[in-house]
Amino acid sequence: MLRRLLAAVAAALVIFGLVILLALESSGVAVLETRAPAGTPRETRLWVAEAEGALWLEAATPERAWYRDVLLDPVVSLEREGRAEAFRATPEPGEEARRRLRGWLRERYGWRDAFVGLLQDTSRSIAVRLDPLR
């Protein structure tokens, strides 16, 4: 009986892990490169929204390492579909920007965004606008 219970728990954990992987990584993921305080590059996989003539990222909390990097150096690189481009990152704190970004992400990522919302509280998230450097 205990063996069956452990097998069921293990199977449930594997399925849950696969759903998380599918939700987070199946498509629409970009790689953001920022500079850590020591100057070393930091890569972070993120979802991206396109709206209002710019790309948008969400720092789920202000404590995110990549967000703190942006506050120190707003010049970042974003790789999408195998192509990297340089941007200036501009945080847009506040409820209105957060609400707009949450809507764009929900529209683009659908059920995946809803699922991740069960795992991550975004009530303190910060919208970050990316404008191309030219």
N, C-alpha and C. Protein backbone atom coordinates (compact mmCIF):
# COMPACT_ATOMS: atom_id res chain seq x y z
N MET A 1 0.82 -1.19 0.00
CA MET A 1 0.00 0.00 0.00
C MET A 1 0.88 1.27 0.00
N LEU A 2 1.87 1.28 0.87
CA LEU A 2 2.77 2.43 0.94
C LEU A 2 3.52 2.62 -0.38
N ARG A 3 3.91 1.53 -0.98
CA ARG A 3 4.62 1.58 -2.27
C ARG A 3 3.74 2.21 -3.34
N ARG A 4 2.47 1.86 -3.38
CA ARG A 4 1.53 2.43 -4.35
C ARG A 4 1.34 3.93 -4.11
N LEU A 5 1.23 4.30 -2.86
CA LEU A 5 1.07 5.71 -2.51
C LEU A 5 2.29 6.50 -2.94
N LEU A 6 3.47 5.99 -2.67
CA LEU A 6 4.71 6.68 -3.07
C LEU A 6 4.82 6.77 -4.59
N ALA A 7 4.42 5.71 -5.29
CA ALA A 7 4.45 5.72 -6.75
C ALA A 7 3.47 6.76 -7.29
N ALA A 8 2.30 6.86 -6.69
CA ALA A 8 1.30 7.85 -7.13
C ALA A 8 1.79 9.27 -6.88
N VAL A 9 2.41 9.49 -5.73
CA VAL A 9 2.95 10.82 -5.42
C VAL A 9 4.07 11.16 -6.40
N ALA A 10 4.95 10.21 -6.67
CA ALA A 10 6.05 10.45 -7.62
C ALA A 10 5.50 10.75 -9.01
N ALA A 11 4.50 10.01 -9.44
CA ALA A 11 3.89 10.26 -10.76
C ALA A 11 3.25 11.64 -10.81
N ALA A 12 2.55 12.01 -9.75
CA ALA A 12 1.92 13.33 -9.70
C ALA A 12 2.97 14.44 -9.77
N LEU A 13 4.08 14.27 -9.09
CA LEU A 13 5.14 15.26 -9.13
C LEU A 13 5.77 15.37 -10.52
N VAL A 14 5.96 14.25 -11.18
CA VAL A 14 6.50 14.26 -12.54
C VAL A 14 5.53 14.98 -13.48
N ILE A 15 4.26 14.66 -13.39
CA ILE A 15 3.26 15.31 -14.24
C ILE A 15 3.21 16.81 -13.96
N PHE A 16 3.23 17.19 -12.69
CA PHE A 16 3.22 18.61 -12.32
C PHE A 16 4.45 19.31 -12.89
N GLY A 17 5.61 18.67 -12.79
CA GLY A 17 6.83 19.25 -13.35
C GLY A 17 6.75 19.42 -14.85
N LEU A 18 6.18 18.44 -15.54
CA LEU A 18 6.03 18.54 -16.99
C LEU A 18 5.07 19.66 -17.39
N VAL A 19 4.00 19.83 -16.63
CA VAL A 19 3.06 20.93 -16.91
C VAL A 19 3.75 22.28 -16.70
N ILE A 20 4.54 22.39 -15.65
CA ILE A 20 5.28 23.63 -15.41
C ILE A 20 6.25 23.89 -16.56
N LEU A 21 6.97 22.87 -16.98
CA LEU A 21 7.91 23.02 -18.09
C LEU A 21 7.17 23.44 -19.37
N LEU A 22 6.06 22.81 -19.66
CA LEU A 22 5.26 23.16 -20.83
C LEU A 22 4.76 24.60 -20.72
N ALA A 23 4.27 24.97 -19.56
CA ALA A 23 3.73 26.32 -19.37
C ALA A 23 4.81 27.39 -19.53
N LEU A 24 5.97 27.15 -18.96
CA LEU A 24 7.01 28.18 -18.97
C LEU A 24 7.82 28.22 -20.25
N GLU A 25 8.08 27.08 -20.84
CA GLU A 25 9.11 27.01 -21.88
C GLU A 25 8.64 26.61 -23.27
N SER A 26 7.35 26.35 -23.49
CA SER A 26 6.95 25.78 -24.77
C SER A 26 7.09 26.75 -25.94
N SER A 27 6.90 28.04 -25.75
CA SER A 27 7.10 29.01 -26.83
C SER A 27 7.06 30.42 -26.26
N GLY A 28 7.55 31.37 -27.05
CA GLY A 28 7.48 32.76 -26.65
C GLY A 28 8.44 33.16 -25.57
N VAL A 29 9.51 32.39 -25.38
CA VAL A 29 10.49 32.69 -24.34
C VAL A 29 11.69 33.40 -24.96
N ALA A 30 12.13 34.46 -24.32
CA ALA A 30 13.30 35.20 -24.77
C ALA A 30 14.38 35.10 -23.69
N VAL A 31 15.61 35.40 -24.09
CA VAL A 31 16.73 35.39 -23.14
C VAL A 31 17.22 36.84 -23.00
N LEU A 32 17.07 37.35 -21.79
CA LEU A 32 17.52 38.70 -21.46
C LEU A 32 18.93 38.62 -20.88
N GLU A 33 19.83 39.45 -21.38
CA GLU A 33 21.16 39.53 -20.78
C GLU A 33 21.33 40.90 -20.15
N THR A 34 21.62 40.88 -18.86
CA THR A 34 21.90 42.10 -18.10
C THR A 34 23.31 41.98 -17.55
N ARG A 35 23.76 43.02 -16.87
CA ARG A 35 25.07 42.99 -16.20
C ARG A 35 24.85 43.01 -14.70
N ALA A 36 25.38 42.00 -14.04
CA ALA A 36 25.33 41.94 -12.58
C ALA A 36 26.23 43.04 -12.02
N PRO A 37 26.07 43.39 -10.76
CA PRO A 37 26.88 44.46 -10.18
C PRO A 37 28.39 44.28 -10.37
N ALA A 38 28.87 43.05 -10.40
CA ALA A 38 30.30 42.81 -10.59
C ALA A 38 30.71 42.94 -12.06
N GLY A 39 29.72 43.20 -12.94
CA GLY A 39 30.01 43.35 -14.36
C GLY A 39 29.89 42.08 -15.18
N THR A 40 29.60 40.98 -14.52
CA THR A 40 29.45 39.72 -15.25
C THR A 40 28.06 39.64 -15.88
N PRO A 41 27.98 38.99 -17.04
CA PRO A 41 26.66 38.89 -17.68
C PRO A 41 25.74 37.94 -16.91
N ARG A 42 24.46 38.28 -16.93
CA ARG A 42 23.44 37.43 -16.30
C ARG A 42 22.37 37.16 -17.36
N GLU A 43 22.07 35.90 -17.59
CA GLU A 43 21.03 35.54 -18.54
C GLU A 43 19.78 35.09 -17.79
N THR A 44 18.63 35.58 -18.25
CA THR A 44 17.36 35.25 -17.63
C THR A 44 16.35 34.95 -18.73
N ARG A 45 15.65 33.85 -18.58
CA ARG A 45 14.61 33.49 -19.55
C ARG A 45 13.31 34.14 -19.10
N LEU A 46 12.67 34.85 -20.03
CA LEU A 46 11.46 35.63 -19.70
C LEU A 46 10.44 35.56 -20.83
N TRP A 47 9.21 35.83 -20.48
CA TRP A 47 8.18 36.06 -21.48
C TRP A 47 8.23 37.52 -21.92
N VAL A 48 7.80 37.77 -23.14
CA VAL A 48 7.83 39.12 -23.70
C VAL A 48 6.46 39.45 -24.28
N ALA A 49 6.01 40.66 -24.02
CA ALA A 49 4.79 41.18 -24.65
C ALA A 49 5.20 42.28 -25.63
N GLU A 50 4.48 42.38 -26.73
CA GLU A 50 4.69 43.46 -27.69
C GLU A 50 3.46 44.34 -27.68
N ALA A 51 3.65 45.62 -27.34
CA ALA A 51 2.52 46.55 -27.29
C ALA A 51 3.05 47.97 -27.27
N GLU A 52 2.22 48.88 -27.75
CA GLU A 52 2.55 50.31 -27.73
C GLU A 52 3.91 50.61 -28.37
N GLY A 53 4.25 49.88 -29.41
CA GLY A 53 5.50 50.13 -30.13
C GLY A 53 6.77 49.71 -29.41
N ALA A 54 6.63 48.86 -28.41
CA ALA A 54 7.81 48.43 -27.63
C ALA A 54 7.63 46.99 -27.20
N LEU A 55 8.70 46.43 -26.67
CA LEU A 55 8.64 45.13 -26.01
C LEU A 55 8.53 45.39 -24.51
N TRP A 56 7.88 44.47 -23.81
CA TRP A 56 7.65 44.63 -22.38
C TRP A 56 8.01 43.35 -21.65
N LEU A 57 8.65 43.50 -20.50
CA LEU A 57 8.98 42.40 -19.61
C LEU A 57 8.31 42.64 -18.27
N GLU A 58 8.17 41.57 -17.51
CA GLU A 58 7.60 41.70 -16.17
C GLU A 58 8.59 41.20 -15.14
N ALA A 59 8.92 42.08 -14.20
CA ALA A 59 9.67 41.67 -13.01
C ALA A 59 8.60 41.28 -11.99
N ALA A 60 8.44 39.99 -11.76
CA ALA A 60 7.35 39.52 -10.89
C ALA A 60 7.42 40.13 -9.50
N THR A 61 8.64 40.44 -9.05
CA THR A 61 8.84 41.16 -7.79
C THR A 61 10.02 42.11 -8.00
N PRO A 62 10.08 43.20 -7.24
CA PRO A 62 11.21 44.13 -7.38
C PRO A 62 12.54 43.53 -6.94
N GLU A 63 12.51 42.37 -6.30
CA GLU A 63 13.74 41.74 -5.84
C GLU A 63 14.41 40.88 -6.91
N ARG A 64 13.79 40.71 -8.06
CA ARG A 64 14.39 39.88 -9.11
C ARG A 64 15.77 40.42 -9.47
N ALA A 65 16.73 39.51 -9.59
CA ALA A 65 18.12 39.91 -9.84
C ALA A 65 18.25 40.68 -11.15
N TRP A 66 17.60 40.22 -12.21
CA TRP A 66 17.73 40.92 -13.49
C TRP A 66 17.15 42.34 -13.41
N TYR A 67 16.08 42.51 -12.65
CA TYR A 67 15.48 43.84 -12.49
C TYR A 67 16.43 44.78 -11.74
N ARG A 68 17.08 44.27 -10.70
CA ARG A 68 18.03 45.08 -9.96
C ARG A 68 19.22 45.45 -10.85
N ASP A 69 19.61 44.53 -11.76
CA ASP A 69 20.67 44.84 -12.73
C ASP A 69 20.25 46.01 -13.62
N VAL A 70 19.01 45.98 -14.09
CA VAL A 70 18.49 47.04 -14.99
C VAL A 70 18.51 48.40 -14.29
N LEU A 71 18.24 48.41 -13.00
CA LEU A 71 18.27 49.68 -12.27
C LEU A 71 19.67 50.28 -12.25
N LEU A 72 20.69 49.42 -12.29
CA LEU A 72 22.08 49.89 -12.29
C LEU A 72 22.59 50.21 -13.70
N ASP A 73 22.14 49.44 -14.68
CA ASP A 73 22.58 49.63 -16.07
C ASP A 73 21.42 49.25 -16.98
N PRO A 74 20.74 50.22 -17.58
CA PRO A 74 19.55 49.93 -18.37
C PRO A 74 19.82 49.37 -19.77
N VAL A 75 21.07 49.28 -20.18
CA VAL A 75 21.37 48.72 -21.50
C VAL A 75 21.41 47.20 -21.38
N VAL A 76 20.52 46.54 -22.14
CA VAL A 76 20.38 45.10 -22.07
C VAL A 76 20.39 44.51 -23.48
N SER A 77 20.50 43.20 -23.54
CA SER A 77 20.39 42.49 -24.81
C SER A 77 19.25 41.49 -24.65
N LEU A 78 18.44 41.36 -25.70
CA LEU A 78 17.35 40.40 -25.68
C LEU A 78 17.45 39.52 -26.92
N GLU A 79 17.50 38.22 -26.68
CA GLU A 79 17.55 37.26 -27.78
C GLU A 79 16.19 36.61 -27.94
N ARG A 80 15.64 36.76 -29.15
CA ARG A 80 14.37 36.11 -29.50
C ARG A 80 14.54 35.43 -30.84
N GLU A 81 14.07 34.20 -30.91
CA GLU A 81 14.11 33.44 -32.16
C GLU A 81 15.52 33.42 -32.76
N GLY A 82 16.53 33.28 -31.90
CA GLY A 82 17.91 33.16 -32.36
C GLY A 82 18.60 34.45 -32.73
N ARG A 83 17.95 35.58 -32.53
CA ARG A 83 18.53 36.88 -32.88
C ARG A 83 18.56 37.80 -31.66
N ALA A 84 19.73 38.36 -31.38
CA ALA A 84 19.88 39.26 -30.22
C ALA A 84 19.87 40.71 -30.70
N GLU A 85 19.31 41.56 -29.85
CA GLU A 85 19.24 42.98 -30.14
C GLU A 85 19.44 43.76 -28.84
N ALA A 86 20.06 44.94 -28.95
CA ALA A 86 20.31 45.77 -27.76
C ALA A 86 19.11 46.69 -27.52
N PHE A 87 18.80 46.89 -26.24
CA PHE A 87 17.66 47.72 -25.83
C PHE A 87 18.04 48.58 -24.63
N ARG A 88 17.25 49.62 -24.44
CA ARG A 88 17.29 50.39 -23.20
C ARG A 88 16.04 49.97 -22.42
N ALA A 89 16.25 49.50 -21.21
CA ALA A 89 15.16 49.05 -20.35
C ALA A 89 14.73 50.19 -19.44
N THR A 90 13.43 50.46 -19.44
CA THR A 90 12.88 51.53 -18.61
C THR A 90 11.77 50.97 -17.74
N PRO A 91 12.00 50.85 -16.43
CA PRO A 91 10.93 50.39 -15.55
C PRO A 91 9.78 51.40 -15.52
N GLU A 92 8.58 50.86 -15.53
CA GLU A 92 7.37 51.69 -15.40
C GLU A 92 6.57 51.16 -14.23
N PRO A 93 6.98 51.56 -13.01
CA PRO A 93 6.26 51.07 -11.83
C PRO A 93 4.86 51.67 -11.76
N GLY A 94 4.05 51.07 -10.96
CA GLY A 94 2.71 51.60 -10.75
C GLY A 94 1.65 50.62 -11.19
N GLU A 95 0.48 50.77 -10.61
CA GLU A 95 -0.62 49.85 -10.84
C GLU A 95 -1.11 49.87 -12.29
N GLU A 96 -1.19 51.03 -12.91
CA GLU A 96 -1.69 51.11 -14.28
C GLU A 96 -0.78 50.35 -15.25
N ALA A 97 0.52 50.56 -15.17
CA ALA A 97 1.46 49.85 -16.05
C ALA A 97 1.42 48.35 -15.77
N ARG A 98 1.35 47.97 -14.51
CA ARG A 98 1.28 46.56 -14.15
C ARG A 98 0.02 45.93 -14.72
N ARG A 99 -1.09 46.60 -14.60
CA ARG A 99 -2.36 46.08 -15.09
C ARG A 99 -2.33 45.90 -16.61
N ARG A 100 -1.80 46.89 -17.33
CA ARG A 100 -1.70 46.78 -18.79
C ARG A 100 -0.81 45.60 -19.19
N LEU A 101 0.35 45.49 -18.57
CA LEU A 101 1.27 44.41 -18.89
C LEU A 101 0.66 43.05 -18.58
N ARG A 102 0.01 42.92 -17.44
CA ARG A 102 -0.63 41.65 -17.09
C ARG A 102 -1.64 41.27 -18.17
N GLY A 103 -2.39 42.25 -18.68
CA GLY A 103 -3.35 41.97 -19.74
C GLY A 103 -2.68 41.50 -21.02
N TRP A 104 -1.59 42.16 -21.40
CA TRP A 104 -0.86 41.75 -22.61
C TRP A 104 -0.30 40.34 -22.47
N LEU A 105 0.27 40.03 -21.31
CA LEU A 105 0.82 38.70 -21.09
C LEU A 105 -0.28 37.64 -21.08
N ARG A 106 -1.41 37.96 -20.47
CA ARG A 106 -2.55 37.04 -20.43
C ARG A 106 -3.05 36.77 -21.86
N GLU A 107 -3.10 37.84 -22.65
CA GLU A 107 -3.56 37.70 -24.04
C GLU A 107 -2.60 36.83 -24.86
N ARG A 108 -1.32 37.03 -24.68
CA ARG A 108 -0.33 36.30 -25.48
C ARG A 108 -0.14 34.85 -25.01
N TYR A 109 -0.10 34.63 -23.71
CA TYR A 109 0.26 33.31 -23.19
C TYR A 109 -0.93 32.49 -22.69
N GLY A 110 -2.11 33.09 -22.62
CA GLY A 110 -3.34 32.36 -22.32
C GLY A 110 -3.28 31.50 -21.07
N TRP A 111 -3.63 30.20 -21.24
CA TRP A 111 -3.71 29.29 -20.09
C TRP A 111 -2.38 29.20 -19.37
N ARG A 112 -1.28 29.38 -20.10
CA ARG A 112 0.04 29.30 -19.47
C ARG A 112 0.21 30.42 -18.44
N ASP A 113 -0.22 31.62 -18.81
CA ASP A 113 -0.14 32.75 -17.87
C ASP A 113 -1.02 32.49 -16.65
N ALA A 114 -2.21 31.97 -16.88
CA ALA A 114 -3.11 31.68 -15.76
C ALA A 114 -2.50 30.64 -14.83
N PHE A 115 -1.87 29.61 -15.40
CA PHE A 115 -1.26 28.56 -14.59
C PHE A 115 -0.10 29.11 -13.77
N VAL A 116 0.76 29.89 -14.41
CA VAL A 116 1.90 30.47 -13.69
C VAL A 116 1.40 31.42 -12.60
N GLY A 117 0.28 32.09 -12.85
CA GLY A 117 -0.31 32.96 -11.85
C GLY A 117 -0.70 32.23 -10.57
N LEU A 118 -0.94 30.93 -10.68
CA LEU A 118 -1.23 30.13 -9.49
C LEU A 118 0.02 29.89 -8.66
N LEU A 119 1.18 29.97 -9.32
CA LEU A 119 2.45 29.67 -8.66
C LEU A 119 3.21 30.91 -8.22
N GLN A 120 2.97 32.04 -8.88
CA GLN A 120 3.74 33.26 -8.62
C GLN A 120 2.79 34.43 -8.40
N ASP A 121 2.91 35.07 -7.26
CA ASP A 121 2.13 36.27 -6.96
C ASP A 121 2.74 37.44 -7.74
N THR A 122 1.96 38.05 -8.62
CA THR A 122 2.46 39.19 -9.40
C THR A 122 1.85 40.51 -8.95
N SER A 123 1.31 40.54 -7.75
CA SER A 123 0.66 41.76 -7.27
C SER A 123 1.65 42.91 -7.07
N ARG A 124 2.95 42.61 -6.96
CA ARG A 124 3.96 43.66 -6.82
C ARG A 124 4.83 43.77 -8.08
N SER A 125 4.39 43.16 -9.17
CA SER A 125 5.22 43.13 -10.36
C SER A 125 5.43 44.52 -10.94
N ILE A 126 6.50 44.65 -11.71
CA ILE A 126 6.85 45.92 -12.33
C ILE A 126 7.01 45.70 -13.82
N ALA A 127 6.36 46.55 -14.60
CA ALA A 127 6.48 46.52 -16.05
C ALA A 127 7.80 47.17 -16.44
N VAL A 128 8.49 46.56 -17.39
CA VAL A 128 9.76 47.11 -17.89
C VAL A 128 9.63 47.23 -19.42
N ARG A 129 9.75 48.45 -19.90
CA ARG A 129 9.65 48.73 -21.34
C ARG A 129 11.03 48.61 -21.96
N LEU A 130 11.10 47.94 -23.12
CA LEU A 130 12.36 47.83 -23.87
C LEU A 130 12.23 48.61 -25.17
N ASP A 131 13.11 49.57 -25.36
CA ASP A 131 13.17 50.34 -26.59
C ASP A 131 14.50 50.04 -27.27
N PRO A 132 14.49 49.76 -28.59
CA PRO A 132 15.73 49.42 -29.29
C PRO A 132 16.75 50.55 -29.21
N LEU A 133 18.01 50.16 -29.07
CA LEU A 133 19.12 51.12 -29.17
C LEU A 133 19.50 51.19 -30.63
N ARG A 134 19.64 52.36 -31.14
CA ARG A 134 20.01 52.49 -32.56
C ARG A 134 21.16 53.42 -32.71
